[in-house]
Amino acid sequence: MGVFWGCIKYLNKNHKSLIRTPVGDKYIALKLQDENLILGGENSGHIIIKEYMNSGDGIFVALKVIETVLLTNNLKINSFKKIPQILINVTVVNKKELSCYPFSEIIENEKKLLLNGRILVRYSGTENLLRVMVEDIEEQNATNIAKNLASKLQSALNL
């Protein structure tokens, strides 16, 4: 289950804003600095708490989460509803620009099938992989979209 889409819905409901950056700790750290913000992160678990350090530290963040859970007595960590998240890694030979045709059209067509969710497609920064992530309120729909999108993009990329 993905917590990111659920978190966005929770923030919107509570009139809070979310600032997006490109994927990566360095972009998050830069945005935190530029906007004088204290907390940033990715749903992969890379969390930066600027008051303490300018990069993510998983053990430190885990301890801060435990501290918060204990202080708020939220032992079930049920602040917001988790939304199904499907991640598929697609092996690619060449990393082609995804904002160009036919890739952009393939992605946009699959977005139309979402009930209430999002699609994130990006290349791994360290491997020859395309990461296809789909979140939607209905798990089977998210699974179907992710599988179809991964298959279509793999075919188009490896022509």
N, C-alpha and C. Protein backbone atom coordinates (compact mmCIF):
# COMPACT_ATOMS: atom_id res chain seq x y z
N MET A 1 0.83 -1.18 0.00
CA MET A 1 0.00 0.00 0.00
C MET A 1 0.88 1.25 0.00
N GLY A 2 0.52 2.21 -0.79
CA GLY A 2 1.28 3.45 -0.84
C GLY A 2 0.70 4.47 0.12
N VAL A 3 1.56 5.14 0.82
CA VAL A 3 1.09 6.16 1.74
C VAL A 3 1.11 7.54 1.10
N PHE A 4 1.84 7.71 0.01
CA PHE A 4 2.02 9.04 -0.56
C PHE A 4 0.71 9.66 -1.01
N TRP A 5 -0.05 8.94 -1.83
CA TRP A 5 -1.32 9.50 -2.34
C TRP A 5 -2.28 9.73 -1.19
N GLY A 6 -2.30 8.83 -0.22
CA GLY A 6 -3.13 9.02 0.96
C GLY A 6 -2.70 10.26 1.74
N CYS A 7 -1.41 10.48 1.83
CA CYS A 7 -0.88 11.65 2.52
C CYS A 7 -1.28 12.94 1.80
N ILE A 8 -1.21 12.94 0.47
CA ILE A 8 -1.61 14.12 -0.31
C ILE A 8 -3.08 14.45 -0.04
N LYS A 9 -3.92 13.44 -0.06
CA LYS A 9 -5.35 13.65 0.20
C LYS A 9 -5.55 14.22 1.60
N TYR A 10 -4.82 13.70 2.57
CA TYR A 10 -4.91 14.18 3.95
C TYR A 10 -4.48 15.65 4.03
N LEU A 11 -3.37 15.99 3.39
CA LEU A 11 -2.89 17.37 3.40
C LEU A 11 -3.91 18.31 2.78
N ASN A 12 -4.45 17.93 1.62
CA ASN A 12 -5.45 18.77 0.95
C ASN A 12 -6.67 18.98 1.84
N LYS A 13 -7.14 17.91 2.45
CA LYS A 13 -8.33 17.98 3.31
C LYS A 13 -8.09 18.93 4.48
N ASN A 14 -6.85 19.01 4.94
CA ASN A 14 -6.50 19.86 6.07
C ASN A 14 -5.87 21.19 5.65
N HIS A 15 -6.07 21.56 4.38
CA HIS A 15 -5.63 22.85 3.84
C HIS A 15 -4.12 23.07 4.00
N LYS A 16 -3.37 22.01 3.77
CA LYS A 16 -1.90 22.07 3.80
C LYS A 16 -1.39 21.93 2.38
N SER A 17 -0.20 22.43 2.13
CA SER A 17 0.33 22.35 0.77
C SER A 17 1.49 21.36 0.69
N LEU A 18 1.70 20.88 -0.52
CA LEU A 18 2.78 19.95 -0.81
C LEU A 18 3.59 20.55 -1.95
N ILE A 19 4.88 20.59 -1.78
CA ILE A 19 5.76 21.10 -2.83
C ILE A 19 6.49 19.91 -3.43
N ARG A 20 6.47 19.80 -4.74
CA ARG A 20 7.15 18.69 -5.41
C ARG A 20 8.49 19.14 -5.98
N THR A 21 9.43 18.19 -5.99
CA THR A 21 10.74 18.42 -6.59
C THR A 21 11.03 17.23 -7.50
N PRO A 22 12.06 17.34 -8.33
CA PRO A 22 12.50 16.13 -9.02
C PRO A 22 12.92 15.08 -7.99
N VAL A 23 12.94 13.82 -8.39
CA VAL A 23 13.31 12.73 -7.49
C VAL A 23 14.78 12.87 -7.08
N GLY A 24 15.05 12.69 -5.81
CA GLY A 24 16.43 12.69 -5.32
C GLY A 24 16.63 13.58 -4.11
N ASP A 25 17.45 13.10 -3.17
CA ASP A 25 17.75 13.85 -1.95
C ASP A 25 18.29 15.24 -2.23
N LYS A 26 19.15 15.36 -3.26
CA LYS A 26 19.77 16.66 -3.51
C LYS A 26 18.73 17.72 -3.87
N TYR A 27 17.69 17.31 -4.61
CA TYR A 27 16.64 18.26 -4.99
C TYR A 27 15.78 18.63 -3.79
N ILE A 28 15.54 17.65 -2.94
CA ILE A 28 14.76 17.91 -1.73
C ILE A 28 15.53 18.86 -0.82
N ALA A 29 16.80 18.59 -0.61
CA ALA A 29 17.62 19.44 0.25
C ALA A 29 17.69 20.87 -0.29
N LEU A 30 17.83 21.01 -1.61
CA LEU A 30 17.86 22.35 -2.21
C LEU A 30 16.55 23.09 -1.99
N LYS A 31 15.42 22.41 -2.16
CA LYS A 31 14.11 23.04 -1.98
C LYS A 31 13.90 23.43 -0.52
N LEU A 32 14.32 22.55 0.39
CA LEU A 32 14.21 22.88 1.81
C LEU A 32 15.00 24.14 2.12
N GLN A 33 16.19 24.24 1.56
CA GLN A 33 17.04 25.41 1.77
C GLN A 33 16.41 26.66 1.15
N ASP A 34 16.01 26.57 -0.12
CA ASP A 34 15.46 27.72 -0.84
C ASP A 34 14.17 28.25 -0.21
N GLU A 35 13.33 27.36 0.28
CA GLU A 35 12.02 27.75 0.82
C GLU A 35 12.02 27.86 2.35
N ASN A 36 13.18 27.63 2.96
CA ASN A 36 13.30 27.65 4.43
C ASN A 36 12.28 26.71 5.08
N LEU A 37 12.27 25.48 4.59
CA LEU A 37 11.37 24.45 5.09
C LEU A 37 12.12 23.50 6.01
N ILE A 38 11.40 22.75 6.82
CA ILE A 38 12.08 21.89 7.80
C ILE A 38 11.99 20.40 7.51
N LEU A 39 11.04 19.97 6.65
CA LEU A 39 10.84 18.55 6.43
C LEU A 39 10.57 18.28 4.97
N GLY A 40 11.24 17.26 4.44
CA GLY A 40 11.01 16.87 3.06
C GLY A 40 11.38 15.41 2.87
N GLY A 41 10.86 14.82 1.81
CA GLY A 41 11.21 13.43 1.57
C GLY A 41 10.51 12.83 0.39
N GLU A 42 10.80 11.57 0.17
CA GLU A 42 10.21 10.78 -0.90
C GLU A 42 9.49 9.60 -0.28
N ASN A 43 8.52 9.06 -1.00
CA ASN A 43 7.79 7.92 -0.46
C ASN A 43 8.66 6.67 -0.38
N SER A 44 9.84 6.72 -0.98
CA SER A 44 10.77 5.59 -0.87
C SER A 44 11.39 5.52 0.52
N GLY A 45 11.17 6.55 1.32
CA GLY A 45 11.70 6.55 2.67
C GLY A 45 12.84 7.53 2.88
N HIS A 46 13.25 8.21 1.85
CA HIS A 46 14.30 9.22 1.98
C HIS A 46 13.68 10.47 2.58
N ILE A 47 13.87 10.64 3.87
CA ILE A 47 13.28 11.77 4.60
C ILE A 47 14.41 12.63 5.12
N ILE A 48 14.27 13.95 4.94
CA ILE A 48 15.25 14.91 5.45
C ILE A 48 14.56 15.79 6.47
N ILE A 49 15.12 15.85 7.67
CA ILE A 49 14.64 16.75 8.71
C ILE A 49 15.75 17.80 8.88
N LYS A 50 15.55 18.94 8.23
CA LYS A 50 16.64 19.93 8.09
C LYS A 50 17.19 20.43 9.42
N GLU A 51 16.39 20.43 10.45
CA GLU A 51 16.84 20.87 11.76
C GLU A 51 18.03 20.04 12.26
N TYR A 52 18.12 18.78 11.77
CA TYR A 52 19.14 17.88 12.26
C TYR A 52 20.23 17.58 11.24
N MET A 53 19.87 17.48 9.94
CA MET A 53 20.86 17.17 8.92
C MET A 53 20.31 17.48 7.53
N ASN A 54 21.21 17.58 6.54
CA ASN A 54 20.82 17.94 5.18
C ASN A 54 20.70 16.75 4.24
N SER A 55 20.70 15.55 4.79
CA SER A 55 20.51 14.36 3.97
C SER A 55 19.66 13.38 4.76
N GLY A 56 19.16 12.37 4.07
CA GLY A 56 18.32 11.39 4.73
C GLY A 56 19.13 10.38 5.53
N ASP A 57 18.62 9.99 6.68
CA ASP A 57 19.23 8.96 7.52
C ASP A 57 18.10 8.09 8.03
N GLY A 58 17.97 6.89 7.47
CA GLY A 58 16.84 6.02 7.77
C GLY A 58 16.67 5.68 9.23
N ILE A 59 17.76 5.40 9.93
CA ILE A 59 17.66 5.04 11.34
C ILE A 59 17.20 6.24 12.16
N PHE A 60 17.76 7.40 11.87
CA PHE A 60 17.35 8.61 12.59
C PHE A 60 15.86 8.90 12.37
N VAL A 61 15.41 8.82 11.12
CA VAL A 61 14.00 9.09 10.80
C VAL A 61 13.10 8.06 11.48
N ALA A 62 13.50 6.80 11.50
CA ALA A 62 12.71 5.77 12.17
C ALA A 62 12.56 6.11 13.66
N LEU A 63 13.63 6.56 14.27
CA LEU A 63 13.56 6.94 15.69
C LEU A 63 12.64 8.14 15.91
N LYS A 64 12.67 9.10 15.00
CA LYS A 64 11.79 10.27 15.09
C LYS A 64 10.33 9.86 14.89
N VAL A 65 10.07 8.92 14.00
CA VAL A 65 8.70 8.43 13.81
C VAL A 65 8.21 7.74 15.08
N ILE A 66 9.04 6.89 15.67
CA ILE A 66 8.67 6.21 16.91
C ILE A 66 8.40 7.23 18.01
N GLU A 67 9.25 8.25 18.10
CA GLU A 67 9.05 9.30 19.09
C GLU A 67 7.70 9.99 18.89
N THR A 68 7.38 10.31 17.64
CA THR A 68 6.11 10.98 17.33
C THR A 68 4.92 10.09 17.64
N VAL A 69 5.01 8.82 17.27
CA VAL A 69 3.93 7.87 17.55
C VAL A 69 3.68 7.80 19.06
N LEU A 70 4.73 7.75 19.83
CA LEU A 70 4.58 7.67 21.29
C LEU A 70 4.03 8.98 21.86
N LEU A 71 4.51 10.12 21.37
CA LEU A 71 4.05 11.41 21.88
C LEU A 71 2.58 11.68 21.53
N THR A 72 2.14 11.19 20.39
CA THR A 72 0.76 11.43 19.94
C THR A 72 -0.18 10.29 20.29
N ASN A 73 0.37 9.22 20.85
CA ASN A 73 -0.40 8.01 21.18
C ASN A 73 -1.14 7.47 19.95
N ASN A 74 -0.51 7.59 18.79
CA ASN A 74 -1.07 7.10 17.53
C ASN A 74 -0.40 5.77 17.20
N LEU A 75 -0.58 4.80 18.06
CA LEU A 75 0.14 3.54 17.95
C LEU A 75 -0.20 2.74 16.70
N LYS A 76 -1.38 2.96 16.14
CA LYS A 76 -1.77 2.25 14.92
C LYS A 76 -1.36 3.04 13.67
N ILE A 77 -0.78 4.19 13.86
CA ILE A 77 -0.36 5.08 12.77
C ILE A 77 -1.48 5.16 11.72
N ASN A 78 -2.63 5.60 12.15
CA ASN A 78 -3.80 5.63 11.29
C ASN A 78 -4.28 7.05 10.98
N SER A 79 -3.35 7.95 10.75
CA SER A 79 -3.70 9.34 10.48
C SER A 79 -4.40 9.51 9.14
N PHE A 80 -4.06 8.68 8.17
CA PHE A 80 -4.70 8.79 6.86
C PHE A 80 -4.76 7.42 6.20
N LYS A 81 -5.67 7.31 5.25
CA LYS A 81 -5.91 6.05 4.56
C LYS A 81 -4.79 5.77 3.56
N LYS A 82 -4.28 4.56 3.60
CA LYS A 82 -3.27 4.14 2.64
C LYS A 82 -3.95 3.78 1.32
N ILE A 83 -3.33 4.17 0.23
CA ILE A 83 -3.87 3.93 -1.10
C ILE A 83 -3.00 2.85 -1.76
N PRO A 84 -3.62 1.89 -2.47
CA PRO A 84 -2.82 0.86 -3.14
C PRO A 84 -1.79 1.46 -4.09
N GLN A 85 -0.59 0.92 -4.05
CA GLN A 85 0.51 1.38 -4.90
C GLN A 85 1.18 0.17 -5.55
N ILE A 86 1.32 0.24 -6.86
CA ILE A 86 1.95 -0.84 -7.61
C ILE A 86 3.21 -0.26 -8.27
N LEU A 87 4.34 -0.94 -8.09
CA LEU A 87 5.60 -0.51 -8.70
C LEU A 87 6.13 -1.66 -9.55
N ILE A 88 6.42 -1.35 -10.81
CA ILE A 88 7.00 -2.33 -11.72
C ILE A 88 8.27 -1.74 -12.30
N ASN A 89 9.36 -2.49 -12.23
CA ASN A 89 10.62 -2.09 -12.84
C ASN A 89 10.75 -2.76 -14.20
N VAL A 90 11.03 -1.95 -15.21
CA VAL A 90 11.14 -2.44 -16.58
C VAL A 90 12.60 -2.27 -17.02
N THR A 91 13.23 -3.35 -17.46
CA THR A 91 14.60 -3.28 -17.96
C THR A 91 14.59 -2.60 -19.33
N VAL A 92 15.48 -1.62 -19.49
CA VAL A 92 15.58 -0.90 -20.77
C VAL A 92 17.03 -0.89 -21.24
N VAL A 93 17.21 -0.84 -22.54
CA VAL A 93 18.55 -0.76 -23.11
C VAL A 93 18.99 0.70 -23.21
N ASN A 94 18.10 1.54 -23.73
CA ASN A 94 18.38 2.97 -23.88
C ASN A 94 17.31 3.77 -23.15
N LYS A 95 17.73 4.82 -22.47
CA LYS A 95 16.80 5.70 -21.77
C LYS A 95 16.40 6.83 -22.72
N LYS A 96 15.23 6.69 -23.30
CA LYS A 96 14.72 7.69 -24.25
C LYS A 96 13.84 8.69 -23.50
N GLU A 97 13.72 9.89 -24.07
CA GLU A 97 12.96 10.96 -23.44
C GLU A 97 11.47 10.59 -23.35
N LEU A 98 10.96 10.51 -22.12
CA LEU A 98 9.59 10.05 -21.90
C LEU A 98 8.54 11.11 -22.22
N SER A 99 8.97 12.37 -22.31
CA SER A 99 8.01 13.44 -22.61
C SER A 99 7.72 13.53 -24.11
N CYS A 100 8.39 12.72 -24.90
CA CYS A 100 8.21 12.73 -26.36
C CYS A 100 7.27 11.61 -26.79
N TYR A 101 6.71 11.77 -27.99
CA TYR A 101 5.88 10.74 -28.60
C TYR A 101 6.76 9.54 -28.93
N PRO A 102 6.31 8.33 -28.76
CA PRO A 102 4.99 7.85 -28.37
C PRO A 102 4.82 7.64 -26.86
N PHE A 103 5.91 7.84 -26.11
CA PHE A 103 5.89 7.53 -24.68
C PHE A 103 4.90 8.40 -23.92
N SER A 104 4.90 9.70 -24.22
CA SER A 104 3.98 10.61 -23.53
C SER A 104 2.53 10.23 -23.79
N GLU A 105 2.24 9.82 -25.01
CA GLU A 105 0.86 9.43 -25.35
C GLU A 105 0.46 8.14 -24.63
N ILE A 106 1.36 7.20 -24.56
CA ILE A 106 1.09 5.95 -23.84
C ILE A 106 0.76 6.24 -22.38
N ILE A 107 1.57 7.08 -21.77
CA ILE A 107 1.37 7.43 -20.35
C ILE A 107 0.05 8.17 -20.16
N GLU A 108 -0.21 9.16 -21.01
CA GLU A 108 -1.45 9.94 -20.89
C GLU A 108 -2.69 9.07 -21.07
N ASN A 109 -2.65 8.13 -22.00
CA ASN A 109 -3.80 7.24 -22.21
C ASN A 109 -4.08 6.39 -20.98
N GLU A 110 -3.03 5.93 -20.30
CA GLU A 110 -3.24 5.14 -19.09
C GLU A 110 -3.74 6.00 -17.93
N LYS A 111 -3.31 7.26 -17.88
CA LYS A 111 -3.79 8.17 -16.82
C LYS A 111 -5.30 8.33 -16.88
N LYS A 112 -5.86 8.27 -18.07
CA LYS A 112 -7.31 8.42 -18.25
C LYS A 112 -8.08 7.28 -17.59
N LEU A 113 -7.41 6.16 -17.31
CA LEU A 113 -8.07 5.00 -16.72
C LEU A 113 -8.08 5.02 -15.19
N LEU A 114 -7.38 6.00 -14.60
CA LEU A 114 -7.35 6.10 -13.14
C LEU A 114 -8.72 6.48 -12.59
N LEU A 115 -9.08 5.86 -11.50
CA LEU A 115 -10.32 6.24 -10.81
C LEU A 115 -10.08 7.49 -9.97
N ASN A 116 -9.02 7.45 -9.18
CA ASN A 116 -8.61 8.59 -8.36
C ASN A 116 -7.20 8.27 -7.86
N GLY A 117 -6.22 8.63 -8.64
CA GLY A 117 -4.85 8.29 -8.28
C GLY A 117 -3.86 9.03 -9.14
N ARG A 118 -2.68 8.45 -9.27
CA ARG A 118 -1.62 9.09 -10.06
C ARG A 118 -0.69 8.04 -10.62
N ILE A 119 0.05 8.47 -11.63
CA ILE A 119 1.07 7.64 -12.29
C ILE A 119 2.38 8.40 -12.25
N LEU A 120 3.44 7.72 -11.90
CA LEU A 120 4.78 8.30 -11.95
C LEU A 120 5.65 7.32 -12.73
N VAL A 121 6.23 7.81 -13.82
CA VAL A 121 7.12 7.00 -14.64
C VAL A 121 8.45 7.75 -14.71
N ARG A 122 9.52 7.07 -14.32
CA ARG A 122 10.85 7.70 -14.35
C ARG A 122 11.91 6.63 -14.48
N TYR A 123 13.07 7.05 -14.93
CA TYR A 123 14.20 6.15 -15.02
C TYR A 123 14.93 6.10 -13.69
N SER A 124 15.50 4.95 -13.38
CA SER A 124 16.39 4.82 -12.25
C SER A 124 17.64 5.64 -12.56
N GLY A 125 18.17 6.28 -11.54
CA GLY A 125 19.39 7.05 -11.73
C GLY A 125 20.64 6.18 -11.73
N THR A 126 20.52 4.93 -11.32
CA THR A 126 21.70 4.08 -11.17
C THR A 126 21.66 2.79 -11.98
N GLU A 127 20.49 2.44 -12.52
CA GLU A 127 20.36 1.19 -13.25
C GLU A 127 19.63 1.43 -14.56
N ASN A 128 19.72 0.49 -15.48
CA ASN A 128 18.98 0.58 -16.73
C ASN A 128 17.55 0.06 -16.51
N LEU A 129 16.83 0.82 -15.70
CA LEU A 129 15.46 0.46 -15.35
C LEU A 129 14.55 1.66 -15.53
N LEU A 130 13.34 1.37 -15.96
CA LEU A 130 12.26 2.34 -15.98
C LEU A 130 11.33 1.95 -14.84
N ARG A 131 11.05 2.89 -13.96
CA ARG A 131 10.18 2.61 -12.82
C ARG A 131 8.77 3.12 -13.14
N VAL A 132 7.82 2.20 -13.12
CA VAL A 132 6.42 2.52 -13.39
C VAL A 132 5.67 2.35 -12.08
N MET A 133 5.17 3.46 -11.54
CA MET A 133 4.45 3.43 -10.27
C MET A 133 3.04 3.95 -10.51
N VAL A 134 2.06 3.18 -10.03
CA VAL A 134 0.66 3.57 -10.16
C VAL A 134 0.01 3.47 -8.79
N GLU A 135 -0.66 4.54 -8.40
CA GLU A 135 -1.46 4.56 -7.18
C GLU A 135 -2.90 4.84 -7.60
N ASP A 136 -3.83 4.12 -7.03
CA ASP A 136 -5.24 4.36 -7.31
C ASP A 136 -6.06 3.82 -6.14
N ILE A 137 -7.26 4.32 -5.99
CA ILE A 137 -8.08 3.92 -4.84
C ILE A 137 -8.52 2.47 -4.92
N GLU A 138 -8.50 1.90 -6.11
CA GLU A 138 -8.89 0.49 -6.30
C GLU A 138 -7.66 -0.30 -6.73
N GLU A 139 -7.25 -1.25 -5.92
CA GLU A 139 -6.00 -1.97 -6.14
C GLU A 139 -5.95 -2.70 -7.49
N GLN A 140 -7.04 -3.36 -7.86
CA GLN A 140 -7.04 -4.10 -9.12
C GLN A 140 -6.87 -3.15 -10.31
N ASN A 141 -7.48 -1.99 -10.24
CA ASN A 141 -7.33 -1.00 -11.31
C ASN A 141 -5.87 -0.53 -11.39
N ALA A 142 -5.28 -0.26 -10.24
CA ALA A 142 -3.87 0.16 -10.20
C ALA A 142 -2.97 -0.92 -10.79
N THR A 143 -3.25 -2.16 -10.44
CA THR A 143 -2.45 -3.30 -10.95
C THR A 143 -2.58 -3.42 -12.46
N ASN A 144 -3.81 -3.35 -12.96
CA ASN A 144 -4.03 -3.46 -14.41
C ASN A 144 -3.34 -2.33 -15.18
N ILE A 145 -3.47 -1.11 -14.68
CA ILE A 145 -2.85 0.03 -15.35
C ILE A 145 -1.33 -0.13 -15.33
N ALA A 146 -0.76 -0.49 -14.19
CA ALA A 146 0.69 -0.64 -14.07
C ALA A 146 1.22 -1.70 -15.02
N LYS A 147 0.57 -2.83 -15.07
CA LYS A 147 1.01 -3.92 -15.96
C LYS A 147 0.92 -3.50 -17.43
N ASN A 148 -0.22 -2.90 -17.80
CA ASN A 148 -0.40 -2.46 -19.19
C ASN A 148 0.61 -1.39 -19.56
N LEU A 149 0.79 -0.43 -18.69
CA LEU A 149 1.72 0.66 -18.96
C LEU A 149 3.15 0.15 -19.07
N ALA A 150 3.57 -0.71 -18.16
CA ALA A 150 4.92 -1.27 -18.20
C ALA A 150 5.14 -2.04 -19.48
N SER A 151 4.18 -2.84 -19.88
CA SER A 151 4.30 -3.65 -21.11
C SER A 151 4.38 -2.75 -22.35
N LYS A 152 3.50 -1.77 -22.44
CA LYS A 152 3.49 -0.87 -23.60
C LYS A 152 4.78 -0.05 -23.70
N LEU A 153 5.24 0.46 -22.55
CA LEU A 153 6.47 1.25 -22.57
C LEU A 153 7.68 0.39 -22.89
N GLN A 154 7.72 -0.83 -22.35
CA GLN A 154 8.85 -1.72 -22.64
C GLN A 154 8.91 -2.01 -24.14
N SER A 155 7.77 -2.28 -24.74
CA SER A 155 7.73 -2.53 -26.19
C SER A 155 8.20 -1.33 -26.96
N ALA A 156 7.70 -0.16 -26.61
CA ALA A 156 8.05 1.06 -27.34
C ALA A 156 9.52 1.46 -27.13
N LEU A 157 10.03 1.26 -25.93
CA LEU A 157 11.42 1.65 -25.62
C LEU A 157 12.44 0.72 -26.26
N ASN A 158 12.11 -0.52 -26.40
CA ASN A 158 13.08 -1.48 -26.90
C ASN A 158 12.91 -1.80 -28.38
N LEU A 159 12.31 -0.87 -29.12
CA LEU A 159 12.18 -1.04 -30.58
C LEU A 159 13.52 -0.85 -31.25
